[in-house]
Amino acid sequence: MVRYPVPRRPFRAMERFRENVEDMLNEMFDASAWDYSTPAVDLQDQGDQYRLVAEVPGMTKDNLSINVAERSVTLQGQTEHQEKIEEENFIRRERRQGSFSRTIPLPVPVNPDAASASFENGVLTVVLPKESPQQGRQLEIE
């Protein structure tokens, strides 16, 4: 007779499987990952500053608004509404119209007054200098 060792946690493999499926479903149904009404962004730490790049195809710089706070950046935009097309013979109509607003939290405070933005070919770039740490001061005891 062959004896197999009994694992200490016989259902651990099933627990790991459940955790993996749960993680996959959370990733699949994460609202920000599937929300096509907001622009895709990259946030890069460049040492003394952050560089945020957002894809906003079809927008003009006049249709965009950027609000920089100490710990977040809010991007807002409004697409131009096209005239209503009387002919309804679309086979597919995927281009969206309307507005979006997206707030991106920042890991450390930035200096809103020193932030800058540029826009070229549907790509918005925002440079966010980090706030320099406040130096403490020595107090004299009276």
C-alpha atoms as a PDB file:
ATOM      1  CA  MET A   1       0.000   0.000   0.000  1.00  0.00           C
ATOM      2  CA  VAL A   2       1.298   3.461  -0.968  1.00  0.00           C
ATOM      3  CA  ARG A   3       0.853   6.210   1.563  1.00  0.00           C
ATOM      4  CA  TYR A   4       0.699   9.806   0.488  1.00  0.00           C
ATOM      5  CA  PRO A   5       1.632  12.514   2.956  1.00  0.00           C
ATOM      6  CA  VAL A   6      -1.316  14.519   4.140  1.00  0.00           C
ATOM      7  CA  PRO A   7      -0.686  18.233   3.645  1.00  0.00           C
ATOM      8  CA  ARG A   8      -1.087  20.417   6.690  1.00  0.00           C
ATOM      9  CA  ARG A   9      -3.511  22.635   4.828  1.00  0.00           C
ATOM     10  CA  PRO A  10      -5.275  20.328   2.382  1.00  0.00           C
ATOM     11  CA  PHE A  11      -7.427  23.119   0.881  1.00  0.00           C
ATOM     12  CA  ARG A  12      -4.630  25.671   0.395  1.00  0.00           C
ATOM     13  CA  ALA A  13      -4.485  25.022  -3.358  1.00  0.00           C
ATOM     14  CA  MET A  14      -8.211  25.743  -3.607  1.00  0.00           C
ATOM     15  CA  GLU A  15      -7.800  28.905  -1.522  1.00  0.00           C
ATOM     16  CA  ARG A  16      -5.037  30.135  -3.858  1.00  0.00           C
ATOM     17  CA  PHE A  17      -7.213  29.351  -6.880  1.00  0.00           C
ATOM     18  CA  ARG A  18     -10.121  31.316  -5.383  1.00  0.00           C
ATOM     19  CA  GLU A  19      -7.805  34.250  -4.591  1.00  0.00           C
ATOM     20  CA  ASN A  20      -6.442  34.239  -8.145  1.00  0.00           C
ATOM     21  CA  VAL A  21      -9.939  34.175  -9.661  1.00  0.00           C
ATOM     22  CA  GLU A  22     -11.047  36.958  -7.304  1.00  0.00           C
ATOM     23  CA  ASP A  23      -8.028  39.098  -8.275  1.00  0.00           C
ATOM     24  CA  MET A  24      -8.699  38.490 -11.964  1.00  0.00           C
ATOM     25  CA  LEU A  25     -12.368  39.467 -11.629  1.00  0.00           C
ATOM     26  CA  ASN A  26     -11.485  42.585  -9.632  1.00  0.00           C
ATOM     27  CA  GLU A  27      -9.047  43.585 -12.365  1.00  0.00           C
ATOM     28  CA  MET A  28     -11.561  42.865 -15.125  1.00  0.00           C
ATOM     29  CA  PHE A  29     -14.350  44.838 -13.530  1.00  0.00           C
ATOM     30  CA  ASP A  30     -12.309  47.717 -12.127  1.00  0.00           C
ATOM     31  CA  ALA A  31     -14.291  50.756 -13.204  1.00  0.00           C
ATOM     32  CA  SER A  32     -11.255  52.878 -14.032  1.00  0.00           C
ATOM     33  CA  ALA A  33      -9.774  50.157 -16.240  1.00  0.00           C
ATOM     34  CA  TRP A  34     -12.948  49.825 -18.324  1.00  0.00           C
ATOM     35  CA  ASP A  35     -14.184  53.398 -18.305  1.00  0.00           C
ATOM     36  CA  TYR A  36     -13.533  54.632 -21.816  1.00  0.00           C
ATOM     37  CA  SER A  37     -15.097  58.014 -21.109  1.00  0.00           C
ATOM     38  CA  THR A  38     -11.973  59.115 -19.215  1.00  0.00           C
ATOM     39  CA  PRO A  39      -8.508  59.479 -20.734  1.00  0.00           C
ATOM     40  CA  ALA A  40      -5.775  56.919 -20.184  1.00  0.00           C
ATOM     41  CA  VAL A  41      -2.925  58.403 -18.139  1.00  0.00           C
ATOM     42  CA  ASP A  42       0.666  57.583 -17.265  1.00  0.00           C
ATOM     43  CA  LEU A  43       2.147  59.062 -14.090  1.00  0.00           C
ATOM     44  CA  GLN A  44       5.933  58.909 -13.938  1.00  0.00           C
ATOM     45  CA  ASP A  45       8.148  59.779 -10.968  1.00  0.00           C
ATOM     46  CA  GLN A  46      11.171  61.686 -12.270  1.00  0.00           C
ATOM     47  CA  GLY A  47      12.871  62.326  -8.946  1.00  0.00           C
ATOM     48  CA  ASP A  48      12.104  65.963  -8.185  1.00  0.00           C
ATOM     49  CA  GLN A  49       8.895  66.029 -10.229  1.00  0.00           C
ATOM     50  CA  TYR A  50       6.043  63.934 -11.614  1.00  0.00           C
ATOM     51  CA  ARG A  51       5.233  63.779 -15.312  1.00  0.00           C
ATOM     52  CA  LEU A  52       1.619  63.008 -16.155  1.00  0.00           C
ATOM     53  CA  VAL A  53       0.779  62.118 -19.765  1.00  0.00           C
ATOM     54  CA  ALA A  54      -2.864  61.766 -20.827  1.00  0.00           C
ATOM     55  CA  GLU A  55      -4.273  60.649 -24.156  1.00  0.00           C
ATOM     56  CA  VAL A  56      -7.106  62.959 -25.196  1.00  0.00           C
ATOM     57  CA  PRO A  57      -7.643  62.329 -28.907  1.00  0.00           C
ATOM     58  CA  GLY A  58      -9.975  64.655 -30.728  1.00  0.00           C
ATOM     59  CA  MET A  59      -9.645  67.360 -28.067  1.00  0.00           C
ATOM     60  CA  THR A  60      -8.228  70.825 -28.424  1.00  0.00           C
ATOM     61  CA  LYS A  61      -6.435  72.662 -25.655  1.00  0.00           C
ATOM     62  CA  ASP A  62      -9.408  75.043 -25.439  1.00  0.00           C
ATOM     63  CA  ASN A  63     -11.640  72.093 -24.488  1.00  0.00           C
ATOM     64  CA  LEU A  64      -9.372  70.948 -21.623  1.00  0.00           C
ATOM     65  CA  SER A  65      -9.075  72.121 -18.044  1.00  0.00           C
ATOM     66  CA  ILE A  66      -6.416  71.128 -15.506  1.00  0.00           C
ATOM     67  CA  ASN A  67      -6.681  71.758 -11.780  1.00  0.00           C
ATOM     68  CA  VAL A  68      -3.549  71.020  -9.751  1.00  0.00           C
ATOM     69  CA  ALA A  69      -3.915  70.676  -5.996  1.00  0.00           C
ATOM     70  CA  GLU A  70      -1.212  69.733  -3.526  1.00  0.00           C
ATOM     71  CA  ARG A  71      -2.048  65.991  -3.584  1.00  0.00           C
ATOM     72  CA  SER A  72      -4.068  65.547  -6.812  1.00  0.00           C
ATOM     73  CA  VAL A  73      -4.535  66.575 -10.425  1.00  0.00           C
ATOM     74  CA  THR A  74      -7.982  66.875 -11.996  1.00  0.00           C
ATOM     75  CA  LEU A  75      -8.354  66.703 -15.761  1.00  0.00           C
ATOM     76  CA  GLN A  76     -11.610  67.837 -17.332  1.00  0.00           C
ATOM     77  CA  GLY A  77     -12.633  68.021 -20.949  1.00  0.00           C
ATOM     78  CA  GLN A  78     -15.564  68.585 -23.236  1.00  0.00           C
ATOM     79  CA  THR A  79     -15.801  67.221 -26.763  1.00  0.00           C
ATOM     80  CA  GLU A  80     -17.453  69.330 -29.397  1.00  0.00           C
ATOM     81  CA  HIS A  81     -20.953  68.170 -30.199  1.00  0.00           C
ATOM     82  CA  GLN A  82     -21.496  67.336 -33.827  1.00  0.00           C
ATOM     83  CA  GLU A  83     -24.659  68.276 -35.594  1.00  0.00           C
ATOM     84  CA  LYS A  84     -27.386  65.694 -35.324  1.00  0.00           C
ATOM     85  CA  ILE A  85     -27.175  63.527 -38.381  1.00  0.00           C
ATOM     86  CA  GLU A  86     -30.587  62.923 -39.873  1.00  0.00           C
ATOM     87  CA  GLU A  87     -29.547  59.761 -41.650  1.00  0.00           C
ATOM     88  CA  GLU A  88     -29.454  56.912 -39.140  1.00  0.00           C
ATOM     89  CA  ASN A  89     -27.745  54.314 -41.333  1.00  0.00           C
ATOM     90  CA  PHE A  90     -24.737  53.801 -39.094  1.00  0.00           C
ATOM     91  CA  ILE A  91     -23.274  50.333 -39.082  1.00  0.00           C
ATOM     92  CA  ARG A  92     -21.087  51.286 -36.155  1.00  0.00           C
ATOM     93  CA  ARG A  93     -20.845  54.501 -34.155  1.00  0.00           C
ATOM     94  CA  GLU A  94     -18.110  54.402 -31.510  1.00  0.00           C
ATOM     95  CA  ARG A  95     -16.856  57.964 -31.268  1.00  0.00           C
ATOM     96  CA  ARG A  96     -18.007  59.451 -28.015  1.00  0.00           C
ATOM     97  CA  GLN A  97     -19.207  62.932 -27.287  1.00  0.00           C
ATOM     98  CA  GLY A  98     -19.671  64.716 -24.016  1.00  0.00           C
ATOM     99  CA  SER A  99     -17.509  65.567 -21.061  1.00  0.00           C
ATOM    100  CA  PHE A 100     -15.139  63.794 -18.705  1.00  0.00           C
ATOM    101  CA  SER A 101     -13.531  64.505 -15.377  1.00  0.00           C
ATOM    102  CA  ARG A 102     -10.757  62.447 -13.834  1.00  0.00           C
ATOM    103  CA  THR A 103      -8.852  63.076 -10.595  1.00  0.00           C
ATOM    104  CA  ILE A 104      -5.466  61.418 -10.193  1.00  0.00           C
ATOM    105  CA  PRO A 105      -4.161  61.216  -6.605  1.00  0.00           C
ATOM    106  CA  LEU A 106      -0.471  61.981  -6.085  1.00  0.00           C
ATOM    107  CA  PRO A 107       1.750  60.061  -3.634  1.00  0.00           C
ATOM    108  CA  VAL A 108       3.462  63.186  -2.256  1.00  0.00           C
ATOM    109  CA  PRO A 109       2.581  66.892  -2.279  1.00  0.00           C
ATOM    110  CA  VAL A 110       3.449  68.961  -5.358  1.00  0.00           C
ATOM    111  CA  ASN A 111       3.848  72.691  -5.888  1.00  0.00           C
ATOM    112  CA  PRO A 112       0.736  73.773  -7.855  1.00  0.00           C
ATOM    113  CA  ASP A 113       2.238  77.191  -8.645  1.00  0.00           C
ATOM    114  CA  ALA A 114       5.235  75.632 -10.416  1.00  0.00           C
ATOM    115  CA  ALA A 115       3.224  73.104 -12.486  1.00  0.00           C
ATOM    116  CA  SER A 116       3.160  73.399 -16.275  1.00  0.00           C
ATOM    117  CA  ALA A 117       1.266  71.751 -19.122  1.00  0.00           C
ATOM    118  CA  SER A 118       1.692  71.243 -22.845  1.00  0.00           C
ATOM    119  CA  PHE A 119      -0.554  69.768 -25.503  1.00  0.00           C
ATOM    120  CA  GLU A 120       0.398  68.282 -28.854  1.00  0.00           C
ATOM    121  CA  ASN A 121      -1.322  65.851 -31.231  1.00  0.00           C
ATOM    122  CA  GLY A 122      -3.955  64.721 -28.725  1.00  0.00           C
ATOM    123  CA  VAL A 123      -1.449  64.126 -25.913  1.00  0.00           C
ATOM    124  CA  LEU A 124      -1.538  66.282 -22.787  1.00  0.00           C
ATOM    125  CA  THR A 125       1.637  66.440 -20.682  1.00  0.00           C
ATOM    126  CA  VAL A 126       1.596  67.936 -17.172  1.00  0.00           C
ATOM    127  CA  VAL A 127       4.831  68.486 -15.218  1.00  0.00           C
ATOM    128  CA  LEU A 128       4.314  68.599 -11.455  1.00  0.00           C
ATOM    129  CA  PRO A 129       7.339  69.658  -9.376  1.00  0.00           C
ATOM    130  CA  LYS A 130       7.343  68.018  -5.964  1.00  0.00           C
ATOM    131  CA  GLU A 131       7.024  70.252  -2.945  1.00  0.00           C
ATOM    132  CA  SER A 132      10.370  70.637  -1.249  1.00  0.00           C
ATOM    133  CA  PRO A 133      10.272  69.273   2.288  1.00  0.00           C
ATOM    134  CA  GLN A 134       9.880  71.941   4.903  1.00  0.00           C
ATOM    135  CA  GLN A 135      12.949  72.305   7.049  1.00  0.00           C
ATOM    136  CA  GLY A 136      12.330  72.338  10.753  1.00  0.00           C
ATOM    137  CA  ARG A 137      13.655  75.146  12.857  1.00  0.00           C
ATOM    138  CA  GLN A 138      15.459  75.149  16.160  1.00  0.00           C
ATOM    139  CA  LEU A 139      13.472  76.647  18.992  1.00  0.00           C
ATOM    140  CA  GLU A 140      15.081  78.516  21.814  1.00  0.00           C
ATOM    141  CA  ILE A 141      13.813  77.668  25.271  1.00  0.00           C
ATOM    142  CA  GLU A 142      12.722  80.747  27.184  1.00  0.00           C
END
